[in-house]
PDB file of N, CA and C in Angstrom:
ATOM      1  N   UNK A   1     136.954 162.364 157.519  1.00  0.00           N
ATOM      2  CA  UNK A   1     137.465 163.660 156.934  1.00  0.00           C
ATOM      3  C   UNK A   1     138.616 163.584 157.445  1.00  0.00           C
ATOM      4  N   UNK A   2     139.251 164.250 155.982  1.00  0.00           N
ATOM      5  CA  UNK A   2     141.297 164.449 156.779  1.00  0.00           C
ATOM      6  C   UNK A   2     141.429 165.311 157.671  1.00  0.00           C
ATOM      7  N   UNK A   3     142.018 165.118 158.814  1.00  0.00           N
ATOM      8  CA  UNK A   3     142.285 165.800 159.697  1.00  0.00           C
ATOM      9  C   UNK A   3     143.060 167.064 159.360  1.00  0.00           C
ATOM     10  N   UNK A   4     144.069 167.134 158.379  1.00  0.00           N
ATOM     11  CA  UNK A   4     144.790 168.725 158.225  1.00  0.00           C
ATOM     12  C   UNK A   4     144.320 169.122 157.056  1.00  0.00           C
ATOM     13  N   UNK A   5     143.419 168.348 156.368  1.00  0.00           N
ATOM     14  CA  UNK A   5     142.153 169.230 155.390  1.00  0.00           C
ATOM     15  C   UNK A   5     141.327 170.651 156.599  1.00  0.00           C
ATOM     16  N   UNK A   6     140.491 169.761 157.341  1.00  0.00           N
ATOM     17  CA  UNK A   6     140.005 170.423 158.565  1.00  0.00           C
ATOM     18  C   UNK A   6     140.352 171.425 159.262  1.00  0.00           C
ATOM     19  N   UNK A   7     141.708 171.498 159.445  1.00  0.00           N
ATOM     20  CA  UNK A   7     142.190 172.793 159.990  1.00  0.00           C
ATOM     21  C   UNK A   7     142.530 173.579 159.115  1.00  0.00           C
ATOM     22  N   UNK A   8     142.814 173.356 158.548  1.00  0.00           N
ATOM     23  CA  UNK A   8     142.612 174.600 156.898  1.00  0.00           C
ATOM     24  C   UNK A   8     141.557 175.441 156.347  1.00  0.00           C
ATOM     25  N   UNK A   9     140.247 174.178 156.425  1.00  0.00           N
ATOM     26  CA  UNK A   9     139.045 174.841 155.962  1.00  0.00           C
ATOM     27  C   UNK A   9     138.320 175.865 156.744  1.00  0.00           C
ATOM     28  N   UNK A  10     137.677 176.996 156.472  1.00  0.00           N
ATOM     29  CA  UNK A  10     136.768 177.804 156.713  1.00  0.00           C
ATOM     30  C   UNK A  10     135.778 178.029 156.233  1.00  0.00           C
ATOM     31  N   UNK A  11     134.887 178.765 156.963  1.00  0.00           N
ATOM     32  CA  UNK A  11     133.512 179.418 156.144  1.00  0.00           C
ATOM     33  C   UNK A  11     133.469 180.115 155.129  1.00  0.00           C
ATOM     34  N   UNK A  12     133.499 180.143 153.720  1.00  0.00           N
ATOM     35  CA  UNK A  12     133.150 181.086 153.069  1.00  0.00           C
ATOM     36  C   UNK A  12     132.054 181.977 152.876  1.00  0.00           C
ATOM     37  N   UNK A  13     131.521 182.009 153.845  1.00  0.00           N
ATOM     38  CA  UNK A  13     130.797 183.321 154.345  1.00  0.00           C
ATOM     39  C   UNK A  13     130.955 184.317 155.366  1.00  0.00           C
ATOM     40  N   UNK A  14     131.196 182.943 156.715  1.00  0.00           N
ATOM     41  CA  UNK A  14     131.600 183.808 157.786  1.00  0.00           C
ATOM     42  C   UNK A  14     133.338 183.900 158.487  1.00  0.00           C
ATOM     43  N   UNK A  15     133.903 183.326 157.017  1.00  0.00           N
ATOM     44  CA  UNK A  15     135.536 182.970 157.650  1.00  0.00           C
ATOM     45  C   UNK A  15     135.565 182.434 159.097  1.00  0.00           C
ATOM     46  N   UNK A  16     134.564 181.801 160.095  1.00  0.00           N
ATOM     47  CA  UNK A  16     134.780 180.941 161.075  1.00  0.00           C
ATOM     48  C   UNK A  16     135.676 179.792 160.486  1.00  0.00           C
ATOM     49  N   UNK A  17     136.408 179.302 161.417  1.00  0.00           N
ATOM     50  CA  UNK A  17     137.187 177.638 161.278  1.00  0.00           C
ATOM     51  C   UNK A  17     135.869 176.976 161.519  1.00  0.00           C
ATOM     52  N   UNK A  18     135.916 175.631 160.897  1.00  0.00           N
ATOM     53  CA  UNK A  18     135.310 174.803 161.211  1.00  0.00           C
ATOM     54  C   UNK A  18     135.536 173.657 161.610  1.00  0.00           C
ATOM     55  N   UNK A  19     134.344 172.852 162.266  1.00  0.00           N
ATOM     56  CA  UNK A  19     134.701 171.676 163.445  1.00  0.00           C
ATOM     57  C   UNK A  19     133.668 170.618 162.965  1.00  0.00           C
ATOM     58  N   UNK A  20     133.911 169.247 162.606  1.00  0.00           N
ATOM     59  CA  UNK A  20     133.324 168.078 162.435  1.00  0.00           C
ATOM     60  C   UNK A  20     131.971 167.849 163.158  1.00  0.00           C
ATOM     61  N   UNK A  21     130.565 167.731 162.962  1.00  0.00           N
ATOM     62  CA  UNK A  21     129.916 167.960 163.790  1.00  0.00           C
ATOM     63  C   UNK A  21     130.122 165.901 164.625  1.00  0.00           C
ATOM     64  N   UNK A  22     129.551 166.529 165.838  1.00  0.00           N
ATOM     65  CA  UNK A  22     129.642 164.788 166.751  1.00  0.00           C
ATOM     66  C   UNK A  22     128.392 164.048 166.316  1.00  0.00           C
ATOM     67  N   UNK A  23     128.903 162.707 166.528  1.00  0.00           N
ATOM     68  CA  UNK A  23     127.775 161.781 166.386  1.00  0.00           C
ATOM     69  C   UNK A  23     125.887 162.452 166.750  1.00  0.00           C
ATOM     70  N   UNK A  24     126.444 162.526 167.869  1.00  0.00           N
ATOM     71  CA  UNK A  24     124.895 163.153 169.144  1.00  0.00           C
ATOM     72  C   UNK A  24     123.973 164.637 167.858  1.00  0.00           C
ATOM     73  N   UNK A  25     125.120 165.077 167.337  1.00  0.00           N
ATOM     74  CA  UNK A  25     124.872 166.199 166.395  1.00  0.00           C
ATOM     75  C   UNK A  25     124.366 165.603 164.866  1.00  0.00           C
ATOM     76  N   UNK A  26     124.807 164.780 164.448  1.00  0.00           N
ATOM     77  CA  UNK A  26     124.686 164.181 163.041  1.00  0.00           C
ATOM     78  C   UNK A  26     123.196 163.755 163.507  1.00  0.00           C
ATOM     79  N   UNK A  27     123.043 162.939 164.578  1.00  0.00           N
ATOM     80  CA  UNK A  27     121.833 162.191 165.172  1.00  0.00           C
ATOM     81  C   UNK A  27     120.344 163.391 164.723  1.00  0.00           C
ATOM     82  N   UNK A  28     120.631 164.537 165.732  1.00  0.00           N
ATOM     83  CA  UNK A  28     119.795 165.187 165.484  1.00  0.00           C
ATOM     84  C   UNK A  28     119.625 165.689 163.681  1.00  0.00           C
ATOM     85  N   UNK A  29     120.488 166.180 163.841  1.00  0.00           N
ATOM     86  CA  UNK A  29     120.268 166.872 162.181  1.00  0.00           C
ATOM     87  C   UNK A  29     119.343 165.624 161.546  1.00  0.00           C
ATOM     88  N   UNK A  30     120.352 164.432 161.552  1.00  0.00           N
ATOM     89  CA  UNK A  30     119.539 163.164 160.563  1.00  0.00           C
ATOM     90  C   UNK A  30     117.666 163.464 160.894  1.00  0.00           C
ATOM     91  N   UNK A  31     117.788 163.560 162.536  1.00  0.00           N
ATOM     92  CA  UNK A  31     116.101 162.829 163.011  1.00  0.00           C
ATOM     93  C   UNK A  31     115.099 164.473 161.984  1.00  0.00           C
ATOM     94  N   UNK A  32     115.507 165.582 161.746  1.00  0.00           N
ATOM     95  CA  UNK A  32     115.100 166.640 161.298  1.00  0.00           C
ATOM     96  C   UNK A  32     115.127 166.365 159.774  1.00  0.00           C
ATOM     97  N   UNK A  33     116.027 165.781 159.240  1.00  0.00           N
ATOM     98  CA  UNK A  33     115.671 165.188 158.045  1.00  0.00           C
ATOM     99  C   UNK A  33     114.599 164.569 157.551  1.00  0.00           C
ATOM    100  N   UNK A  34     114.781 162.799 158.350  1.00  0.00           N
ATOM    101  CA  UNK A  34     114.065 162.329 158.279  1.00  0.00           C
ATOM    102  C   UNK A  34     112.350 162.790 158.244  1.00  0.00           C
ATOM    103  N   UNK A  35     112.272 163.614 159.352  1.00  0.00           N
ATOM    104  CA  UNK A  35     110.794 164.344 159.726  1.00  0.00           C
ATOM    105  C   UNK A  35     110.532 165.262 158.490  1.00  0.00           C
ATOM    106  N   UNK A  36     111.372 165.611 157.886  1.00  0.00           N
ATOM    107  CA  UNK A  36     111.154 166.363 156.955  1.00  0.00           C
ATOM    108  C   UNK A  36     111.290 168.145 157.631  1.00  0.00           C
ATOM    109  N   UNK A  37     111.926 167.958 157.912  1.00  0.00           N
ATOM    110  CA  UNK A  37     112.005 169.889 158.643  1.00  0.00           C
ATOM    111  C   UNK A  37     112.871 170.522 158.622  1.00  0.00           C
ATOM    112  N   UNK A  38     113.699 170.057 157.905  1.00  0.00           N
ATOM    113  CA  UNK A  38     115.029 170.657 157.811  1.00  0.00           C
ATOM    114  C   UNK A  38     115.222 171.559 156.109  1.00  0.00           C
ATOM    115  N   UNK A  39     115.695 172.124 155.905  1.00  0.00           N
ATOM    116  CA  UNK A  39     116.160 173.446 154.668  1.00  0.00           C
ATOM    117  C   UNK A  39     117.209 173.675 154.639  1.00  0.00           C
ATOM    118  N   UNK A  40     117.525 174.106 153.229  1.00  0.00           N
ATOM    119  CA  UNK A  40     119.035 174.219 152.955  1.00  0.00           C
ATOM    120  C   UNK A  40     118.914 176.006 153.023  1.00  0.00           C
ATOM    121  N   UNK A  41     119.350 176.837 152.739  1.00  0.00           N
ATOM    122  CA  UNK A  41     119.346 178.400 152.904  1.00  0.00           C
ATOM    123  C   UNK A  41     118.738 178.683 151.756  1.00  0.00           C
ATOM    124  N   UNK A  42     119.049 178.118 150.795  1.00  0.00           N
ATOM    125  CA  UNK A  42     118.097 178.036 149.679  1.00  0.00           C
ATOM    126  C   UNK A  42     116.424 178.120 149.824  1.00  0.00           C
ATOM    127  N   UNK A  43     116.283 177.528 150.325  1.00  0.00           N
ATOM    128  CA  UNK A  43     115.051 177.092 151.103  1.00  0.00           C
ATOM    129  C   UNK A  43     114.484 175.408 150.256  1.00  0.00           C
ATOM    130  N   UNK A  44     115.438 175.026 149.611  1.00  0.00           N
ATOM    131  CA  UNK A  44     115.204 173.744 149.525  1.00  0.00           C
ATOM    132  C   UNK A  44     114.988 172.290 150.621  1.00  0.00           C
ATOM    133  N   UNK A  45     114.145 171.341 150.618  1.00  0.00           N
ATOM    134  CA  UNK A  45     114.253 170.728 151.609  1.00  0.00           C
ATOM    135  C   UNK A  45     115.757 169.686 151.831  1.00  0.00           C
ATOM    136  N   UNK A  46     116.034 169.115 152.353  1.00  0.00           N
ATOM    137  CA  UNK A  46     117.234 168.272 152.518  1.00  0.00           C
ATOM    138  C   UNK A  46     116.560 167.461 152.770  1.00  0.00           C
ATOM    139  N   UNK A  47     116.646 166.505 151.745  1.00  0.00           N
ATOM    140  CA  UNK A  47     116.100 165.430 151.355  1.00  0.00           C
ATOM    141  C   UNK A  47     117.065 164.025 151.937  1.00  0.00           C
ATOM    142  N   UNK A  48     118.324 163.807 151.800  1.00  0.00           N
ATOM    143  CA  UNK A  48     119.323 162.850 152.358  1.00  0.00           C
ATOM    144  C   UNK A  48     119.885 162.884 153.304  1.00  0.00           C
ATOM    145  N   UNK A  49     120.284 162.123 154.107  1.00  0.00           N
ATOM    146  CA  UNK A  49     120.688 161.924 155.618  1.00  0.00           C
ATOM    147  C   UNK A  49     121.718 162.504 155.116  1.00  0.00           C
ATOM    148  N   UNK A  50     122.668 163.362 156.206  1.00  0.00           N
ATOM    149  CA  UNK A  50     124.130 163.438 156.633  1.00  0.00           C
ATOM    150  C   UNK A  50     125.166 162.276 157.039  1.00  0.00           C
ATOM    151  N   UNK A  51     126.019 161.826 156.204  1.00  0.00           N
ATOM    152  CA  UNK A  51     126.815 160.767 156.689  1.00  0.00           C
ATOM    153  C   UNK A  51     127.881 162.200 157.598  1.00  0.00           C
ATOM    154  N   UNK A  52     128.440 162.718 157.249  1.00  0.00           N
ATOM    155  CA  UNK A  52     129.601 163.757 157.992  1.00  0.00           C
ATOM    156  C   UNK A  52     128.692 165.269 157.859  1.00  0.00           C
ATOM    157  N   UNK A  53     129.071 165.916 158.732  1.00  0.00           N
ATOM    158  CA  UNK A  53     128.810 167.385 158.462  1.00  0.00           C
ATOM    159  C   UNK A  53     130.053 168.496 159.064  1.00  0.00           C
ATOM    160  N   UNK A  54     130.477 169.445 158.570  1.00  0.00           N
ATOM    161  CA  UNK A  54     130.596 170.882 159.037  1.00  0.00           C
ATOM    162  C   UNK A  54     130.323 171.499 159.660  1.00  0.00           C
ATOM    163  N   UNK A  55     130.258 172.774 160.932  1.00  0.00           N
ATOM    164  CA  UNK A  55     129.720 173.438 161.439  1.00  0.00           C
ATOM    165  C   UNK A  55     130.534 174.324 161.724  1.00  0.00           C
ATOM    166  N   UNK A  56     130.098 175.663 161.912  1.00  0.00           N
ATOM    167  CA  UNK A  56     131.263 176.666 162.025  1.00  0.00           C
ATOM    168  C   UNK A  56     131.472 176.780 163.431  1.00  0.00           C
ATOM    169  N   UNK A  57     132.761 177.556 164.075  1.00  0.00           N
ATOM    170  CA  UNK A  57     133.006 177.513 165.341  1.00  0.00           C
ATOM    171  C   UNK A  57     131.774 178.297 166.435  1.00  0.00           C
ATOM    172  N   UNK A  58     131.369 179.425 165.430  1.00  0.00           N
ATOM    173  CA  UNK A  58     130.387 179.941 165.704  1.00  0.00           C
ATOM    174  C   UNK A  58     128.592 179.156 165.906  1.00  0.00           C
ATOM    175  N   UNK A  59     128.571 178.570 165.131  1.00  0.00           N
ATOM    176  CA  UNK A  59     127.778 177.709 165.103  1.00  0.00           C
ATOM    177  C   UNK A  59     126.527 178.063 164.092  1.00  0.00           C
ATOM    178  N   UNK A  60     126.779 178.711 163.221  1.00  0.00           N
ATOM    179  CA  UNK A  60     126.109 179.527 162.111  1.00  0.00           C
ATOM    180  C   UNK A  60     125.603 178.960 161.274  1.00  0.00           C
ATOM    181  N   UNK A  61     126.683 177.916 160.294  1.00  0.00           N
ATOM    182  CA  UNK A  61     126.256 177.534 159.600  1.00  0.00           C
ATOM    183  C   UNK A  61     127.030 175.902 159.492  1.00  0.00           C
ATOM    184  N   UNK A  62     126.266 175.201 158.870  1.00  0.00           N
ATOM    185  CA  UNK A  62     126.434 173.367 158.605  1.00  0.00           C
ATOM    186  C   UNK A  62     126.479 173.266 156.909  1.00  0.00           C
ATOM    187  N   UNK A  63     127.708 172.505 157.100  1.00  0.00           N
ATOM    188  CA  UNK A  63     127.774 172.416 155.506  1.00  0.00           C
ATOM    189  C   UNK A  63     128.136 170.614 155.719  1.00  0.00           C
ATOM    190  N   UNK A  64     127.116 170.077 154.741  1.00  0.00           N
ATOM    191  CA  UNK A  64     127.272 168.281 154.403  1.00  0.00           C
ATOM    192  C   UNK A  64     128.783 168.122 153.481  1.00  0.00           C
ATOM    193  N   UNK A  65     129.161 166.769 154.403  1.00  0.00           N
ATOM    194  CA  UNK A  65     130.314 166.113 153.370  1.00  0.00           C
ATOM    195  C   UNK A  65     129.745 165.033 152.991  1.00  0.00           C
ATOM    196  N   UNK A  66     129.990 165.024 151.569  1.00  0.00           N
ATOM    197  CA  UNK A  66     129.544 163.760 150.945  1.00  0.00           C
ATOM    198  C   UNK A  66     130.634 163.198 150.290  1.00  0.00           C
ATOM    199  N   UNK A  67     131.000 161.527 150.687  1.00  0.00           N
ATOM    200  CA  UNK A  67     132.225 161.364 150.423  1.00  0.00           C
ATOM    201  C   UNK A  67     132.903 161.506 150.628  1.00  0.00           C
ATOM    202  N   UNK A  68     133.586 162.091 152.123  1.00  0.00           N
ATOM    203  CA  UNK A  68     134.788 163.164 152.218  1.00  0.00           C
ATOM    204  C   UNK A  68     135.333 164.353 151.484  1.00  0.00           C
ATOM    205  N   UNK A  69     134.369 165.255 150.494  1.00  0.00           N
ATOM    206  CA  UNK A  69     134.552 165.777 150.415  1.00  0.00           C
ATOM    207  C   UNK A  69     133.327 167.180 150.586  1.00  0.00           C
ATOM    208  N   UNK A  70     133.677 168.214 151.236  1.00  0.00           N
ATOM    209  CA  UNK A  70     132.807 169.323 152.039  1.00  0.00           C
ATOM    210  C   UNK A  70     132.333 170.071 150.981  1.00  0.00           C
ATOM    211  N   UNK A  71     130.538 169.967 151.046  1.00  0.00           N
ATOM    212  CA  UNK A  71     130.121 171.284 149.428  1.00  0.00           C
ATOM    213  C   UNK A  71     129.928 171.939 151.110  1.00  0.00           C
ATOM    214  N   UNK A  72     131.136 172.974 150.510  1.00  0.00           N
ATOM    215  CA  UNK A  72     131.186 174.614 150.792  1.00  0.00           C
ATOM    216  C   UNK A  72     130.097 175.776 150.602  1.00  0.00           C
ATOM    217  N   UNK A  73     129.384 175.487 149.717  1.00  0.00           N
ATOM    218  CA  UNK A  73     128.238 176.573 149.319  1.00  0.00           C
ATOM    219  C   UNK A  73     126.761 177.052 150.240  1.00  0.00           C
ATOM    220  N   UNK A  74     126.893 178.322 149.781  1.00  0.00           N
ATOM    221  CA  UNK A  74     126.278 179.012 151.131  1.00  0.00           C
ATOM    222  C   UNK A  74     124.764 178.761 150.766  1.00  0.00           C
ATOM    223  N   UNK A  75     124.142 178.569 149.354  1.00  0.00           N
ATOM    224  CA  UNK A  75     123.190 177.880 149.183  1.00  0.00           C
ATOM    225  C   UNK A  75     122.325 176.940 149.303  1.00  0.00           C
ATOM    226  N   UNK A  76     124.040 175.681 149.891  1.00  0.00           N
ATOM    227  CA  UNK A  76     123.887 173.867 150.407  1.00  0.00           C
ATOM    228  C   UNK A  76     123.784 174.468 151.942  1.00  0.00           C
ATOM    229  N   UNK A  77     124.222 175.324 152.513  1.00  0.00           N
ATOM    230  CA  UNK A  77     124.255 174.905 153.963  1.00  0.00           C
ATOM    231  C   UNK A  77     122.903 175.485 154.862  1.00  0.00           C
ATOM    232  N   UNK A  78     123.268 174.757 156.071  1.00  0.00           N
ATOM    233  CA  UNK A  78     121.764 174.819 156.887  1.00  0.00           C
ATOM    234  C   UNK A  78     122.004 175.725 157.987  1.00  0.00           C
ATOM    235  N   UNK A  79     121.484 175.947 158.198  1.00  0.00           N
ATOM    236  CA  UNK A  79     121.585 177.297 159.615  1.00  0.00           C
ATOM    237  C   UNK A  79     121.813 176.218 161.204  1.00  0.00           C
ATOM    238  N   UNK A  80     122.780 176.632 161.764  1.00  0.00           N
ATOM    239  CA  UNK A  80     123.406 176.177 163.055  1.00  0.00           C
ATOM    240  C   UNK A  80     122.207 176.055 163.858  1.00  0.00           C
ATOM    241  N   UNK A  81     121.611 176.727 163.643  1.00  0.00           N
ATOM    242  CA  UNK A  81     120.106 176.534 165.062  1.00  0.00           C
ATOM    243  C   UNK A  81     119.307 175.092 164.256  1.00  0.00           C
ATOM    244  N   UNK A  82     119.327 174.957 163.527  1.00  0.00           N
ATOM    245  CA  UNK A  82     118.597 173.447 163.719  1.00  0.00           C
ATOM    246  C   UNK A  82     119.140 172.586 164.672  1.00  0.00           C
ATOM    247  N   UNK A  83     120.471 171.930 164.984  1.00  0.00           N
ATOM    248  CA  UNK A  83     120.562 171.737 166.082  1.00  0.00           C
ATOM    249  C   UNK A  83     120.310 172.330 167.323  1.00  0.00           C
ATOM    250  N   UNK A  84     120.417 173.352 167.678  1.00  0.00           N
ATOM    251  CA  UNK A  84     119.775 173.813 168.794  1.00  0.00           C
ATOM    252  C   UNK A  84     118.136 173.634 168.608  1.00  0.00           C
ATOM    253  N   UNK A  85     118.188 173.360 167.933  1.00  0.00           N
ATOM    254  CA  UNK A  85     115.917 173.613 167.942  1.00  0.00           C
ATOM    255  C   UNK A  85     115.392 172.247 168.410  1.00  0.00           C
ATOM    256  N   UNK A  86     116.552 171.483 167.682  1.00  0.00           N
ATOM    257  CA  UNK A  86     116.184 169.773 168.071  1.00  0.00           C
ATOM    258  C   UNK A  86     116.953 168.891 169.438  1.00  0.00           C
ATOM    259  N   UNK A  87     117.282 169.844 169.946  1.00  0.00           N
ATOM    260  CA  UNK A  87     117.718 169.459 171.745  1.00  0.00           C
ATOM    261  C   UNK A  87     119.240 169.803 171.771  1.00  0.00           C
ATOM    262  N   UNK A  88     119.621 170.425 170.859  1.00  0.00           N
ATOM    263  CA  UNK A  88     121.176 170.514 171.440  1.00  0.00           C
ATOM    264  C   UNK A  88     121.364 171.351 172.693  1.00  0.00           C
ATOM    265  N   UNK A  89     122.106 171.051 173.680  1.00  0.00           N
ATOM    266  CA  UNK A  89     122.466 172.054 175.377  1.00  0.00           C
ATOM    267  C   UNK A  89     122.933 173.326 174.199  1.00  0.00           C
TER     268      UNK A  89
END
């Protein structure tokens, strides 16, 4: 993800700045996808693994990034608590 773009992006819902998920966080998130335990906020299951993702600074929303393009739609976000549930300290 382009660093300059990342510096100007913010969550359209919470207005919080966003940061890229770490490799460890992505692995935890994708483990939930693989187990069929992750859902978007519109309650549809997440079926494809995340190659990249952004999380709000306050940790409430996660947005996928597909082919370098952030998908920052409320219904296509994932609750930030997914990382906490999967073992993130």
